[in-house]
Amino acid sequence: MRPHTSWAALLIGAALMLPPLATASIAGPAPDAPLCQVQASATPSLLPGFYRVEITLRPECPRNAVADVRLESYLGGQYPRRGWFRITRTQPLTRIGVPWYWRGSWRKGDGTPFPFVIPGLEAP
């Protein structure tokens, strides 16, 4: 094996490891950011029974507040498949194509999930 080939393999391997490391650091808890409650809304899409869902922080939350949220199916699925989305006032969770039988969930300060119904989701 040529020396430059092994360096190339090493650099490619390192590049493949960067996205998980960067994602883990973004999703980590911020020491000074308080957890806050969320609100959700749904608007119909062109397909019956599928919606555009947006989950945002409630208006009374402090400017530096965050929330951990996810979408869950009553049938057992969830998005993301593992973990939670960390939303802020400037980065809400917006998802297109959410079926009517899904709901939202946010994580309380002690780590317990709190499921909630998304207003506007209706069966076709």
PDB file of N, CA and C in Angstrom:
ATOM      1  N   MET A   1       0.846  -1.182   0.000  1.00  0.00           N
ATOM      2  CA  MET A   1       0.000   0.000   0.000  1.00  0.00           C
ATOM      3  C   MET A   1       0.884   1.235   0.000  1.00  0.00           C
ATOM      4  N   ARG A   2       0.549   2.194  -0.831  1.00  0.00           N
ATOM      5  CA  ARG A   2       1.331   3.418  -0.915  1.00  0.00           C
ATOM      6  C   ARG A   2       1.019   4.319   0.267  1.00  0.00           C
ATOM      7  N   PRO A   3       2.009   5.111   0.731  1.00  0.00           N
ATOM      8  CA  PRO A   3       1.770   5.975   1.885  1.00  0.00           C
ATOM      9  C   PRO A   3       0.638   6.977   1.673  1.00  0.00           C
ATOM     10  N   HIS A   4       0.519   7.556   0.477  1.00  0.00           N
ATOM     11  CA  HIS A   4      -0.529   8.543   0.257  1.00  0.00           C
ATOM     12  C   HIS A   4      -1.918   7.898   0.247  1.00  0.00           C
ATOM     13  N   THR A   5      -1.993   6.616  -0.112  1.00  0.00           N
ATOM     14  CA  THR A   5      -3.278   5.920  -0.098  1.00  0.00           C
ATOM     15  C   THR A   5      -3.768   5.730   1.336  1.00  0.00           C
ATOM     16  N   SER A   6      -2.847   5.393   2.254  1.00  0.00           N
ATOM     17  CA  SER A   6      -3.262   5.199   3.639  1.00  0.00           C
ATOM     18  C   SER A   6      -3.683   6.532   4.268  1.00  0.00           C
ATOM     19  N   TRP A   7      -3.011   7.631   3.890  1.00  0.00           N
ATOM     20  CA  TRP A   7      -3.420   8.942   4.401  1.00  0.00           C
ATOM     21  C   TRP A   7      -4.805   9.316   3.895  1.00  0.00           C
ATOM     22  N   ALA A   8      -5.055   8.990   2.631  1.00  0.00           N
ATOM     23  CA  ALA A   8      -6.371   9.295   2.068  1.00  0.00           C
ATOM     24  C   ALA A   8      -7.450   8.508   2.802  1.00  0.00           C
ATOM     25  N   ALA A   9      -7.197   7.257   3.083  1.00  0.00           N
ATOM     26  CA  ALA A   9      -8.167   6.441   3.811  1.00  0.00           C
ATOM     27  C   ALA A   9      -8.384   6.997   5.216  1.00  0.00           C
ATOM     28  N   LEU A  10      -7.312   7.443   5.854  1.00  0.00           N
ATOM     29  CA  LEU A  10      -7.428   8.017   7.188  1.00  0.00           C
ATOM     30  C   LEU A  10      -8.259   9.302   7.174  1.00  0.00           C
ATOM     31  N   LEU A  11      -8.036  10.163   6.183  1.00  0.00           N
ATOM     32  CA  LEU A  11      -8.796  11.405   6.087  1.00  0.00           C
ATOM     33  C   LEU A  11     -10.276  11.148   5.787  1.00  0.00           C
ATOM     34  N   ILE A  12     -10.555  10.175   4.930  1.00  0.00           N
ATOM     35  CA  ILE A  12     -11.947   9.837   4.633  1.00  0.00           C
ATOM     36  C   ILE A  12     -12.626   9.300   5.884  1.00  0.00           C
ATOM     37  N   GLY A  13     -11.950   8.448   6.621  1.00  0.00           N
ATOM     38  CA  GLY A  13     -12.506   7.915   7.872  1.00  0.00           C
ATOM     39  C   GLY A  13     -12.767   9.013   8.878  1.00  0.00           C
ATOM     40  N   ALA A  14     -11.856   9.978   8.970  1.00  0.00           N
ATOM     41  CA  ALA A  14     -12.047  11.090   9.898  1.00  0.00           C
ATOM     42  C   ALA A  14     -13.226  11.957   9.461  1.00  0.00           C
ATOM     43  N   ALA A  15     -13.377  12.168   8.159  1.00  0.00           N
ATOM     44  CA  ALA A  15     -14.493  12.973   7.665  1.00  0.00           C
ATOM     45  C   ALA A  15     -15.825  12.296   7.949  1.00  0.00           C
ATOM     46  N   LEU A  16     -15.858  10.987   7.884  1.00  0.00           N
ATOM     47  CA  LEU A  16     -17.100  10.268   8.169  1.00  0.00           C
ATOM     48  C   LEU A  16     -17.470  10.341   9.644  1.00  0.00           C
ATOM     49  N   MET A  17     -16.521  10.551  10.506  1.00  0.00           N
ATOM     50  CA  MET A  17     -16.793  10.644  11.938  1.00  0.00           C
ATOM     51  C   MET A  17     -17.233  12.041  12.362  1.00  0.00           C
ATOM     52  N   LEU A  18     -16.989  13.069  11.554  1.00  0.00           N
ATOM     53  CA  LEU A  18     -17.327  14.440  11.947  1.00  0.00           C
ATOM     54  C   LEU A  18     -18.823  14.699  12.110  1.00  0.00           C
ATOM     55  N   PRO A  19     -19.699  14.278  11.188  1.00  0.00           N
ATOM     56  CA  PRO A  19     -21.123  14.589  11.393  1.00  0.00           C
ATOM     57  C   PRO A  19     -21.689  14.068  12.700  1.00  0.00           C
ATOM     58  N   PRO A  20     -21.435  12.799  13.129  1.00  0.00           N
ATOM     59  CA  PRO A  20     -21.982  12.388  14.424  1.00  0.00           C
ATOM     60  C   PRO A  20     -21.424  13.198  15.587  1.00  0.00           C
ATOM     61  N   LEU A  21     -20.162  13.554  15.530  1.00  0.00           N
ATOM     62  CA  LEU A  21     -19.582  14.341  16.618  1.00  0.00           C
ATOM     63  C   LEU A  21     -20.190  15.737  16.653  1.00  0.00           C
ATOM     64  N   ALA A  22     -20.371  16.346  15.481  1.00  0.00           N
ATOM     65  CA  ALA A  22     -20.960  17.684  15.439  1.00  0.00           C
ATOM     66  C   ALA A  22     -22.407  17.650  15.910  1.00  0.00           C
ATOM     67  N   THR A  23     -23.161  16.639  15.519  1.00  0.00           N
ATOM     68  CA  THR A  23     -24.548  16.521  15.943  1.00  0.00           C
ATOM     69  C   THR A  23     -24.641  16.321  17.441  1.00  0.00           C
ATOM     70  N   ALA A  24     -23.752  15.513  18.002  1.00  0.00           N
ATOM     71  CA  ALA A  24     -23.785  15.262  19.444  1.00  0.00           C
ATOM     72  C   ALA A  24     -23.514  16.546  20.219  1.00  0.00           C
ATOM     73  N   SER A  25     -22.608  17.392  19.710  1.00  0.00           N
ATOM     74  CA  SER A  25     -22.313  18.619  20.442  1.00  0.00           C
ATOM     75  C   SER A  25     -23.464  19.618  20.341  1.00  0.00           C
ATOM     76  N   ILE A  26     -24.167  19.638  19.217  1.00  0.00           N
ATOM     77  CA  ILE A  26     -25.291  20.561  19.075  1.00  0.00           C
ATOM     78  C   ILE A  26     -26.445  20.134  19.984  1.00  0.00           C
ATOM     79  N   ALA A  27     -26.688  18.824  20.081  1.00  0.00           N
ATOM     80  CA  ALA A  27     -27.826  18.330  20.850  1.00  0.00           C
ATOM     81  C   ALA A  27     -27.557  18.311  22.351  1.00  0.00           C
ATOM     82  N   GLY A  28     -26.313  18.547  22.765  1.00  0.00           N
ATOM     83  CA  GLY A  28     -25.992  18.525  24.185  1.00  0.00           C
ATOM     84  C   GLY A  28     -26.645  19.675  24.915  1.00  0.00           C
ATOM     85  N   PRO A  29     -26.911  19.497  26.202  1.00  0.00           N
ATOM     86  CA  PRO A  29     -27.593  20.560  26.948  1.00  0.00           C
ATOM     87  C   PRO A  29     -26.712  21.783  27.139  1.00  0.00           C
ATOM     88  N   ALA A  30     -27.296  22.936  26.968  1.00  0.00           N
ATOM     89  CA  ALA A  30     -26.586  24.175  27.236  1.00  0.00           C
ATOM     90  C   ALA A  30     -26.747  24.494  28.722  1.00  0.00           C
ATOM     91  N   PRO A  31     -25.661  24.841  29.418  1.00  0.00           N
ATOM     92  CA  PRO A  31     -25.750  25.014  30.866  1.00  0.00           C
ATOM     93  C   PRO A  31     -26.661  26.157  31.305  1.00  0.00           C
ATOM     94  N   ASP A  32     -26.779  27.227  30.507  1.00  0.00           N
ATOM     95  CA  ASP A  32     -27.566  28.375  30.949  1.00  0.00           C
ATOM     96  C   ASP A  32     -28.914  28.488  30.237  1.00  0.00           C
ATOM     97  N   ALA A  33     -29.270  27.525  29.404  1.00  0.00           N
ATOM     98  CA  ALA A  33     -30.518  27.597  28.656  1.00  0.00           C
ATOM     99  C   ALA A  33     -31.625  26.856  29.402  1.00  0.00           C
ATOM    100  N   PRO A  34     -32.651  27.568  29.851  1.00  0.00           N
ATOM    101  CA  PRO A  34     -33.752  26.901  30.549  1.00  0.00           C
ATOM    102  C   PRO A  34     -34.644  26.142  29.575  1.00  0.00           C
ATOM    103  N   LEU A  35     -35.183  25.003  30.035  1.00  0.00           N
ATOM    104  CA  LEU A  35     -36.146  24.260  29.231  1.00  0.00           C
ATOM    105  C   LEU A  35     -37.496  24.950  29.314  1.00  0.00           C
ATOM    106  N   CYS A  36     -38.220  24.946  28.224  1.00  0.00           N
ATOM    107  CA  CYS A  36     -39.485  25.659  28.161  1.00  0.00           C
ATOM    108  C   CYS A  36     -40.532  24.803  27.464  1.00  0.00           C
ATOM    109  N   GLN A  37     -41.801  25.133  27.684  1.00  0.00           N
ATOM    110  CA  GLN A  37     -42.890  24.415  27.023  1.00  0.00           C
ATOM    111  C   GLN A  37     -43.018  24.862  25.571  1.00  0.00           C
ATOM    112  N   VAL A  38     -43.747  24.050  24.797  1.00  0.00           N
ATOM    113  CA  VAL A  38     -43.858  24.297  23.360  1.00  0.00           C
ATOM    114  C   VAL A  38     -45.323  24.430  22.951  1.00  0.00           C
ATOM    115  N   GLN A  39     -45.511  24.913  21.732  1.00  0.00           N
ATOM    116  CA  GLN A  39     -46.826  24.943  21.115  1.00  0.00           C
ATOM    117  C   GLN A  39     -46.666  24.413  19.696  1.00  0.00           C
ATOM    118  N   ALA A  40     -47.740  23.860  19.148  1.00  0.00           N
ATOM    119  CA  ALA A  40     -47.665  23.251  17.818  1.00  0.00           C
ATOM    120  C   ALA A  40     -48.837  23.711  16.970  1.00  0.00           C
ATOM    121  N   SER A  41     -48.627  23.670  15.670  1.00  0.00           N
ATOM    122  CA  SER A  41     -49.697  23.980  14.732  1.00  0.00           C
ATOM    123  C   SER A  41     -49.540  23.077  13.517  1.00  0.00           C
ATOM    124  N   ALA A  42     -50.654  22.837  12.832  1.00  0.00           N
ATOM    125  CA  ALA A  42     -50.654  21.999  11.640  1.00  0.00           C
ATOM    126  C   ALA A  42     -51.466  22.671  10.549  1.00  0.00           C
ATOM    127  N   THR A  43     -50.954  22.629   9.321  1.00  0.00           N
ATOM    128  CA  THR A  43     -51.684  23.129   8.167  1.00  0.00           C
ATOM    129  C   THR A  43     -51.774  21.999   7.144  1.00  0.00           C
ATOM    130  N   PRO A  44     -52.916  21.850   6.485  1.00  0.00           N
ATOM    131  CA  PRO A  44     -53.089  20.749   5.529  1.00  0.00           C
ATOM    132  C   PRO A  44     -52.154  20.878   4.332  1.00  0.00           C
ATOM    133  N   SER A  45     -51.776  19.731   3.781  1.00  0.00           N
ATOM    134  CA  SER A  45     -50.985  19.712   2.555  1.00  0.00           C
ATOM    135  C   SER A  45     -51.896  19.334   1.391  1.00  0.00           C
ATOM    136  N   LEU A  46     -51.336  19.118   0.237  1.00  0.00           N
ATOM    137  CA  LEU A  46     -52.144  18.746  -0.929  1.00  0.00           C
ATOM    138  C   LEU A  46     -52.737  17.347  -0.791  1.00  0.00           C
ATOM    139  N   LEU A  47     -52.056  16.470  -0.058  1.00  0.00           N
ATOM    140  CA  LEU A  47     -52.550  15.109   0.137  1.00  0.00           C
ATOM    141  C   LEU A  47     -53.468  15.058   1.352  1.00  0.00           C
ATOM    142  N   PRO A  48     -54.645  14.484   1.227  1.00  0.00           N
ATOM    143  CA  PRO A  48     -55.554  14.396   2.380  1.00  0.00           C
ATOM    144  C   PRO A  48     -54.942  13.554   3.504  1.00  0.00           C
ATOM    145  N   GLY A  49     -55.040  14.052   4.719  1.00  0.00           N
ATOM    146  CA  GLY A  49     -54.530  13.323   5.876  1.00  0.00           C
ATOM    147  C   GLY A  49     -53.074  13.590   6.205  1.00  0.00           C
ATOM    148  N   PHE A  50     -52.378  14.400   5.413  1.00  0.00           N
ATOM    149  CA  PHE A  50     -50.982  14.745   5.666  1.00  0.00           C
ATOM    150  C   PHE A  50     -50.867  16.247   5.872  1.00  0.00           C
ATOM    151  N   TYR A  51     -49.994  16.629   6.803  1.00  0.00           N
ATOM    152  CA  TYR A  51     -49.940  18.022   7.236  1.00  0.00           C
ATOM    153  C   TYR A  51     -48.515  18.543   7.328  1.00  0.00           C
ATOM    154  N   ARG A  52     -48.409  19.867   7.337  1.00  0.00           N
ATOM    155  CA  ARG A  52     -47.163  20.562   7.656  1.00  0.00           C
ATOM    156  C   ARG A  52     -47.273  20.936   9.129  1.00  0.00           C
ATOM    157  N   VAL A  53     -46.356  20.416   9.933  1.00  0.00           N
ATOM    158  CA  VAL A  53     -46.395  20.629  11.379  1.00  0.00           C
ATOM    159  C   VAL A  53     -45.225  21.516  11.780  1.00  0.00           C
ATOM    160  N   GLU A  54     -45.523  22.484  12.647  1.00  0.00           N
ATOM    161  CA  GLU A  54     -44.475  23.342  13.194  1.00  0.00           C
ATOM    162  C   GLU A  54     -44.607  23.356  14.717  1.00  0.00           C
ATOM    163  N   ILE A  55     -43.494  23.058  15.387  1.00  0.00           N
ATOM    164  CA  ILE A  55     -43.443  23.094  16.846  1.00  0.00           C
ATOM    165  C   ILE A  55     -42.485  24.212  17.239  1.00  0.00           C
ATOM    166  N   THR A  56     -42.990  25.145  18.045  1.00  0.00           N
ATOM    167  CA  THR A  56     -42.206  26.314  18.454  1.00  0.00           C
ATOM    168  C   THR A  56     -42.271  26.461  19.972  1.00  0.00           C
ATOM    169  N   LEU A  57     -41.404  27.311  20.489  1.00  0.00           N
ATOM    170  CA  LEU A  57     -41.456  27.646  21.914  1.00  0.00           C
ATOM    171  C   LEU A  57     -42.654  28.552  22.176  1.00  0.00           C
ATOM    172  N   ARG A  58     -43.203  28.465  23.354  1.00  0.00           N
ATOM    173  CA  ARG A  58     -44.333  29.331  23.720  1.00  0.00           C
ATOM    174  C   ARG A  58     -43.849  30.781  23.826  1.00  0.00           C
ATOM    175  N   PRO A  59     -44.720  31.748  23.571  1.00  0.00           N
ATOM    176  CA  PRO A  59     -44.306  33.159  23.576  1.00  0.00           C
ATOM    177  C   PRO A  59     -43.747  33.639  24.912  1.00  0.00           C
ATOM    178  N   GLU A  60     -44.212  33.073  26.023  1.00  0.00           N
ATOM    179  CA  GLU A  60     -43.746  33.550  27.328  1.00  0.00           C
ATOM    180  C   GLU A  60     -42.383  32.993  27.738  1.00  0.00           C
ATOM    181  N   CYS A  61     -41.760  32.168  26.909  1.00  0.00           N
ATOM    182  CA  CYS A  61     -40.445  31.602  27.232  1.00  0.00           C
ATOM    183  C   CYS A  61     -39.360  32.680  27.148  1.00  0.00           C
ATOM    184  N   PRO A  62     -38.325  32.560  27.976  1.00  0.00           N
ATOM    185  CA  PRO A  62     -37.199  33.500  27.874  1.00  0.00           C
ATOM    186  C   PRO A  62     -36.511  33.394  26.512  1.00  0.00           C
ATOM    187  N   ARG A  63     -35.766  34.422  26.153  1.00  0.00           N
ATOM    188  CA  ARG A  63     -35.096  34.452  24.836  1.00  0.00           C
ATOM    189  C   ARG A  63     -34.121  33.297  24.646  1.00  0.00           C
ATOM    190  N   ASN A  64     -33.444  32.878  25.717  1.00  0.00           N
ATOM    191  CA  ASN A  64     -32.429  31.825  25.586  1.00  0.00           C
ATOM    192  C   ASN A  64     -32.987  30.439  25.895  1.00  0.00           C
ATOM    193  N   ALA A  65     -34.299  30.294  25.963  1.00  0.00           N
ATOM    194  CA  ALA A  65     -34.903  29.005  26.302  1.00  0.00           C
ATOM    195  C   ALA A  65     -34.759  28.012  25.158  1.00  0.00           C
ATOM    196  N   VAL A  66     -34.799  26.729  25.507  1.00  0.00           N
ATOM    197  CA  VAL A  66     -34.744  25.638  24.543  1.00  0.00           C
ATOM    198  C   VAL A  66     -35.806  24.614  24.925  1.00  0.00           C
ATOM    199  N   ALA A  67     -36.065  23.678  24.013  1.00  0.00           N
ATOM    200  CA  ALA A  67     -36.967  22.569  24.303  1.00  0.00           C
ATOM    201  C   ALA A  67     -36.521  21.366  23.485  1.00  0.00           C
ATOM    202  N   ASP A  68     -36.681  20.189  24.057  1.00  0.00           N
ATOM    203  CA  ASP A  68     -36.406  18.938  23.356  1.00  0.00           C
ATOM    204  C   ASP A  68     -37.740  18.356  22.935  1.00  0.00           C
ATOM    205  N   VAL A  69     -37.928  18.158  21.623  1.00  0.00           N
ATOM    206  CA  VAL A  69     -39.206  17.700  21.092  1.00  0.00           C
ATOM    207  C   VAL A  69     -38.989  16.572  20.090  1.00  0.00           C
ATOM    208  N   ARG A  70     -40.069  15.846  19.825  1.00  0.00           N
ATOM    209  CA  ARG A  70     -40.086  14.857  18.755  1.00  0.00           C
ATOM    210  C   ARG A  70     -41.526  14.621  18.335  1.00  0.00           C
ATOM    211  N   LEU A  71     -41.689  13.987  17.180  1.00  0.00           N
ATOM    212  CA  LEU A  71     -42.995  13.585  16.695  1.00  0.00           C
ATOM    213  C   LEU A  71     -43.163  12.100  16.973  1.00  0.00           C
ATOM    214  N   GLU A  72     -44.355  11.695  17.397  1.00  0.00           N
ATOM    215  CA  GLU A  72     -44.608  10.296  17.743  1.00  0.00           C
ATOM    216  C   GLU A  72     -45.895   9.830  17.087  1.00  0.00           C
ATOM    217  N   SER A  73     -45.901   8.561  16.717  1.00  0.00           N
ATOM    218  CA  SER A  73     -47.094   7.941  16.172  1.00  0.00           C
ATOM    219  C   SER A  73     -47.828   7.209  17.285  1.00  0.00           C
ATOM    220  N   TYR A  74     -49.137   7.180  17.193  1.00  0.00           N
ATOM    221  CA  TYR A  74     -49.906   6.388  18.146  1.00  0.00           C
ATOM    222  C   TYR A  74     -49.632   4.896  17.948  1.00  0.00           C
ATOM    223  N   LEU A  75     -49.048   4.541  16.808  1.00  0.00           N
ATOM    224  CA  LEU A  75     -48.743   3.148  16.499  1.00  0.00           C
ATOM    225  C   LEU A  75     -47.348   2.736  16.963  1.00  0.00           C
ATOM    226  N   GLY A  76     -46.554   3.666  17.488  1.00  0.00           N
ATOM    227  CA  GLY A  76     -45.258   3.320  18.047  1.00  0.00           C
ATOM    228  C   GLY A  76     -44.048   3.929  17.371  1.00  0.00           C
ATOM    229  N   GLY A  77     -44.174   4.555  16.217  1.00  0.00           N
ATOM    230  CA  GLY A  77     -43.036   5.178  15.556  1.00  0.00           C
ATOM    231  C   GLY A  77     -42.721   6.533  16.148  1.00  0.00           C
ATOM    232  N   GLN A  78     -41.528   7.044  15.855  1.00  0.00           N
ATOM    233  CA  GLN A  78     -41.158   8.377  16.309  1.00  0.00           C
ATOM    234  C   GLN A  78     -40.149   8.983  15.357  1.00  0.00           C
ATOM    235  N   TYR A  79     -40.091  10.322  15.344  1.00  0.00           N
ATOM    236  CA  TYR A  79     -39.132  11.053  14.535  1.00  0.00           C
ATOM    237  C   TYR A  79     -38.526  12.149  15.390  1.00  0.00           C
ATOM    238  N   PRO A  80     -37.235  12.168  15.600  1.00  0.00           N
ATOM    239  CA  PRO A  80     -36.237  11.264  15.038  1.00  0.00           C
ATOM    240  C   PRO A  80     -36.335   9.882  15.672  1.00  0.00           C
ATOM    241  N   ARG A  81     -35.784   8.910  14.994  1.00  0.00           N
ATOM    242  CA  ARG A  81     -35.884   7.527  15.475  1.00  0.00           C
ATOM    243  C   ARG A  81     -35.237   7.353  16.842  1.00  0.00           C
ATOM    244  N   ARG A  82     -34.168   8.081  17.094  1.00  0.00           N
ATOM    245  CA  ARG A  82     -33.514   8.067  18.410  1.00  0.00           C
ATOM    246  C   ARG A  82     -33.292   9.504  18.848  1.00  0.00           C
ATOM    247  N   GLY A  83     -33.500   9.756  20.091  1.00  0.00           N
ATOM    248  CA  GLY A  83     -33.189  11.078  20.632  1.00  0.00           C
ATOM    249  C   GLY A  83     -34.298  12.096  20.441  1.00  0.00           C
ATOM    250  N   TRP A  84     -33.902  13.359  20.507  1.00  0.00           N
ATOM    251  CA  TRP A  84     -34.827  14.482  20.481  1.00  0.00           C
ATOM    252  C   TRP A  84     -34.270  15.584  19.600  1.00  0.00           C
ATOM    253  N   PHE A  85     -35.142  16.422  19.080  1.00  0.00           N
ATOM    254  CA  PHE A  85     -34.729  17.657  18.430  1.00  0.00           C
ATOM    255  C   PHE A  85     -34.633  18.735  19.499  1.00  0.00           C
ATOM    256  N   ARG A  86     -33.577  19.522  19.449  1.00  0.00           N
ATOM    257  CA  ARG A  86     -33.448  20.668  20.349  1.00  0.00           C
ATOM    258  C   ARG A  86     -33.882  21.895  19.553  1.00  0.00           C
ATOM    259  N   ILE A  87     -34.978  22.512  19.980  1.00  0.00           N
ATOM    260  CA  ILE A  87     -35.450  23.705  19.275  1.00  0.00           C
ATOM    261  C   ILE A  87     -35.168  24.948  20.112  1.00  0.00           C
ATOM    262  N   THR A  88     -35.034  26.060  19.422  1.00  0.00           N
ATOM    263  CA  THR A  88     -34.843  27.362  20.056  1.00  0.00           C
ATOM    264  C   THR A  88     -35.867  28.315  19.443  1.00  0.00           C
ATOM    265  N   ARG A  89     -35.839  29.553  19.886  1.00  0.00           N
ATOM    266  CA  ARG A  89     -36.772  30.524  19.333  1.00  0.00           C
ATOM    267  C   ARG A  89     -36.501  30.754  17.845  1.00  0.00           C
ATOM    268  N   THR A  90     -35.263  30.689  17.418  1.00  0.00           N
ATOM    269  CA  THR A  90     -34.926  30.926  16.014  1.00  0.00           C
ATOM    270  C   THR A  90     -34.911  29.653  15.181  1.00  0.00           C
ATOM    271  N   GLN A  91     -34.949  28.474  15.810  1.00  0.00           N
ATOM    272  CA  GLN A  91     -34.926  27.211  15.074  1.00  0.00           C
ATOM    273  C   GLN A  91     -36.058  26.294  15.543  1.00  0.00           C
ATOM    274  N   PRO A  92     -37.283  26.529  15.055  1.00  0.00           N
ATOM    275  CA  PRO A  92     -38.377  25.633  15.404  1.00  0.00           C
ATOM    276  C   PRO A  92     -38.270  24.332  14.607  1.00  0.00           C
ATOM    277  N   LEU A  93     -39.073  23.356  14.974  1.00  0.00           N
ATOM    278  CA  LEU A  93     -39.146  22.107  14.224  1.00  0.00           C
ATOM    279  C   LEU A  93     -40.272  22.236  13.213  1.00  0.00           C
ATOM    280  N   THR A  94     -39.952  22.130  11.934  1.00  0.00           N
ATOM    281  CA  THR A  94     -40.944  22.160  10.869  1.00  0.00           C
ATOM    282  C   THR A  94     -40.800  20.872  10.074  1.00  0.00           C
ATOM    283  N   ARG A  95     -41.898  20.167   9.932  1.00  0.00           N
ATOM    284  CA  ARG A  95     -41.883  18.884   9.228  1.00  0.00           C
ATOM    285  C   ARG A  95     -43.079  18.832   8.290  1.00  0.00           C
ATOM    286  N   ILE A  96     -42.829  18.464   7.033  1.00  0.00           N
ATOM    287  CA  ILE A  96     -43.883  18.372   6.026  1.00  0.00           C
ATOM    288  C   ILE A  96     -44.194  16.901   5.782  1.00  0.00           C
ATOM    289  N   GLY A  97     -45.468  16.570   5.621  1.00  0.00           N
ATOM    290  CA  GLY A  97     -45.866  15.193   5.339  1.00  0.00           C
ATOM    291  C   GLY A  97     -46.160  14.377   6.582  1.00  0.00           C
ATOM    292  N   VAL A  98     -46.553  15.025   7.656  1.00  0.00           N
ATOM    293  CA  VAL A  98     -46.862  14.325   8.902  1.00  0.00           C
ATOM    294  C   VAL A  98     -48.291  13.781   8.804  1.00  0.00           C
ATOM    295  N   PRO A  99     -48.492  12.465   9.033  1.00  0.00           N
ATOM    296  CA  PRO A  99     -49.843  11.906   8.964  1.00  0.00           C
ATOM    297  C   PRO A  99     -50.716  12.387  10.118  1.00  0.00           C
ATOM    298  N   TRP A 100     -52.018  12.329   9.929  1.00  0.00           N
ATOM    299  CA  TRP A 100     -52.983  12.846  10.896  1.00  0.00           C
ATOM    300  C   TRP A 100     -52.951  12.118  12.226  1.00  0.00           C
ATOM    301  N   TYR A 101     -52.429  10.894  12.260  1.00  0.00           N
ATOM    302  CA  TYR A 101     -52.460  10.106  13.501  1.00  0.00           C
ATOM    303  C   TYR A 101     -51.176  10.249  14.325  1.00  0.00           C
ATOM    304  N   TRP A 102     -50.369  11.241  14.054  1.00  0.00           N
ATOM    305  CA  TRP A 102     -49.173  11.483  14.851  1.00  0.00           C
ATOM    306  C   TRP A 102     -49.458  12.558  15.890  1.00  0.00           C
ATOM    307  N   ARG A 103     -48.593  12.651  16.875  1.00  0.00           N
ATOM    308  CA  ARG A 103     -48.681  13.660  17.929  1.00  0.00           C
ATOM    309  C   ARG A 103     -47.269  14.158  18.232  1.00  0.00           C
ATOM    310  N   GLY A 104     -47.173  15.152  19.084  1.00  0.00           N
ATOM    311  CA  GLY A 104     -45.872  15.668  19.494  1.00  0.00           C
ATOM    312  C   GLY A 104     -45.542  15.226  20.903  1.00  0.00           C
ATOM    313  N   SER A 105     -44.286  15.378  21.275  1.00  0.00           N
ATOM    314  CA  SER A 105     -43.847  15.076  22.629  1.00  0.00           C
ATOM    315  C   SER A 105     -42.694  16.008  22.963  1.00  0.00           C
ATOM    316  N   TRP A 106     -42.698  16.544  24.183  1.00  0.00           N
ATOM    317  CA  TRP A 106     -41.556  17.349  24.645  1.00  0.00           C
ATOM    318  C   TRP A 106     -41.065  16.773  25.955  1.00  0.00           C
ATOM    319  N   ARG A 107     -39.787  16.974  26.203  1.00  0.00           N
ATOM    320  CA  ARG A 107     -39.140  16.390  27.376  1.00  0.00           C
ATOM    321  C   ARG A 107     -39.055  17.410  28.484  1.00  0.00           C
ATOM    322  N   LYS A 108     -39.576  17.018  29.638  1.00  0.00           N
ATOM    323  CA  LYS A 108     -39.515  17.878  30.822  1.00  0.00           C
ATOM    324  C   LYS A 108     -38.092  17.936  31.357  1.00  0.00           C
ATOM    325  N   GLY A 109     -37.859  18.806  32.331  1.00  0.00           N
ATOM    326  CA  GLY A 109     -36.537  18.974  32.916  1.00  0.00           C
ATOM    327  C   GLY A 109     -35.989  17.717  33.560  1.00  0.00           C
ATOM    328  N   ASP A 110     -36.861  16.855  34.087  1.00  0.00           N
ATOM    329  CA  ASP A 110     -36.381  15.623  34.712  1.00  0.00           C
ATOM    330  C   ASP A 110     -36.193  14.489  33.708  1.00  0.00           C
ATOM    331  N   GLY A 111     -36.455  14.755  32.420  1.00  0.00           N
ATOM    332  CA  GLY A 111     -36.228  13.753  31.388  1.00  0.00           C
ATOM    333  C   GLY A 111     -37.455  12.949  30.983  1.00  0.00           C
ATOM    334  N   THR A 112     -38.580  13.137  31.657  1.00  0.00           N
ATOM    335  CA  THR A 112     -39.769  12.375  31.287  1.00  0.00           C
ATOM    336  C   THR A 112     -40.458  13.020  30.091  1.00  0.00           C
ATOM    337  N   PRO A 113     -40.895  12.207  29.127  1.00  0.00           N
ATOM    338  CA  PRO A 113     -41.576  12.769  27.960  1.00  0.00           C
ATOM    339  C   PRO A 113     -43.020  13.133  28.290  1.00  0.00           C
ATOM    340  N   PHE A 114     -43.505  14.197  27.680  1.00  0.00           N
ATOM    341  CA  PHE A 114     -44.875  14.651  27.862  1.00  0.00           C
ATOM    342  C   PHE A 114     -45.527  14.731  26.486  1.00  0.00           C
ATOM    343  N   PRO A 115     -46.360  13.742  26.109  1.00  0.00           N
ATOM    344  CA  PRO A 115     -46.997  13.788  24.791  1.00  0.00           C
ATOM    345  C   PRO A 115     -48.114  14.822  24.732  1.00  0.00           C
ATOM    346  N   PHE A 116     -48.308  15.407  23.561  1.00  0.00           N
ATOM    347  CA  PHE A 116     -49.379  16.385  23.380  1.00  0.00           C
ATOM    348  C   PHE A 116     -49.990  16.221  21.988  1.00  0.00           C
ATOM    349  N   VAL A 117     -51.257  16.559  21.892  1.00  0.00           N
ATOM    350  CA  VAL A 117     -51.975  16.517  20.616  1.00  0.00           C
ATOM    351  C   VAL A 117     -51.638  17.772  19.824  1.00  0.00           C
ATOM    352  N   ILE A 118     -51.420  17.606  18.525  1.00  0.00           N
ATOM    353  CA  ILE A 118     -51.111  18.745  17.664  1.00  0.00           C
ATOM    354  C   ILE A 118     -52.434  19.279  17.109  1.00  0.00           C
ATOM    355  N   PRO A 119     -52.797  20.513  17.455  1.00  0.00           N
ATOM    356  CA  PRO A 119     -54.058  21.066  16.964  1.00  0.00           C
ATOM    357  C   PRO A 119     -54.065  21.155  15.441  1.00  0.00           C
ATOM    358  N   GLY A 120     -55.178  20.772  14.848  1.00  0.00           N
ATOM    359  CA  GLY A 120     -55.323  20.855  13.402  1.00  0.00           C
ATOM    360  C   GLY A 120     -55.178  19.536  12.685  1.00  0.00           C
ATOM    361  N   LEU A 121     -54.616  18.511  13.312  1.00  0.00           N
ATOM    362  CA  LEU A 121     -54.507  17.206  12.664  1.00  0.00           C
ATOM    363  C   LEU A 121     -55.852  16.510  12.720  1.00  0.00           C
ATOM    364  N   GLU A 122     -56.427  16.221  11.557  1.00  0.00           N
ATOM    365  CA  GLU A 122     -57.744  15.597  11.486  1.00  0.00           C
ATOM    366  C   GLU A 122     -57.709  14.439  10.488  1.00  0.00           C
ATOM    367  N   ALA A 123     -58.476  13.402  10.783  1.00  0.00           N
ATOM    368  CA  ALA A 123     -58.581  12.254   9.880  1.00  0.00           C
ATOM    369  C   ALA A 123     -59.213  12.695   8.553  1.00  0.00           C
ATOM    370  N   PRO A 124     -58.750  12.125   7.450  1.00  0.00           N
ATOM    371  CA  PRO A 124     -59.336  12.508   6.148  1.00  0.00           C
ATOM    372  C   PRO A 124     -60.765  12.020   5.997  1.00  0.00           C
TER     373      PRO A 124
END
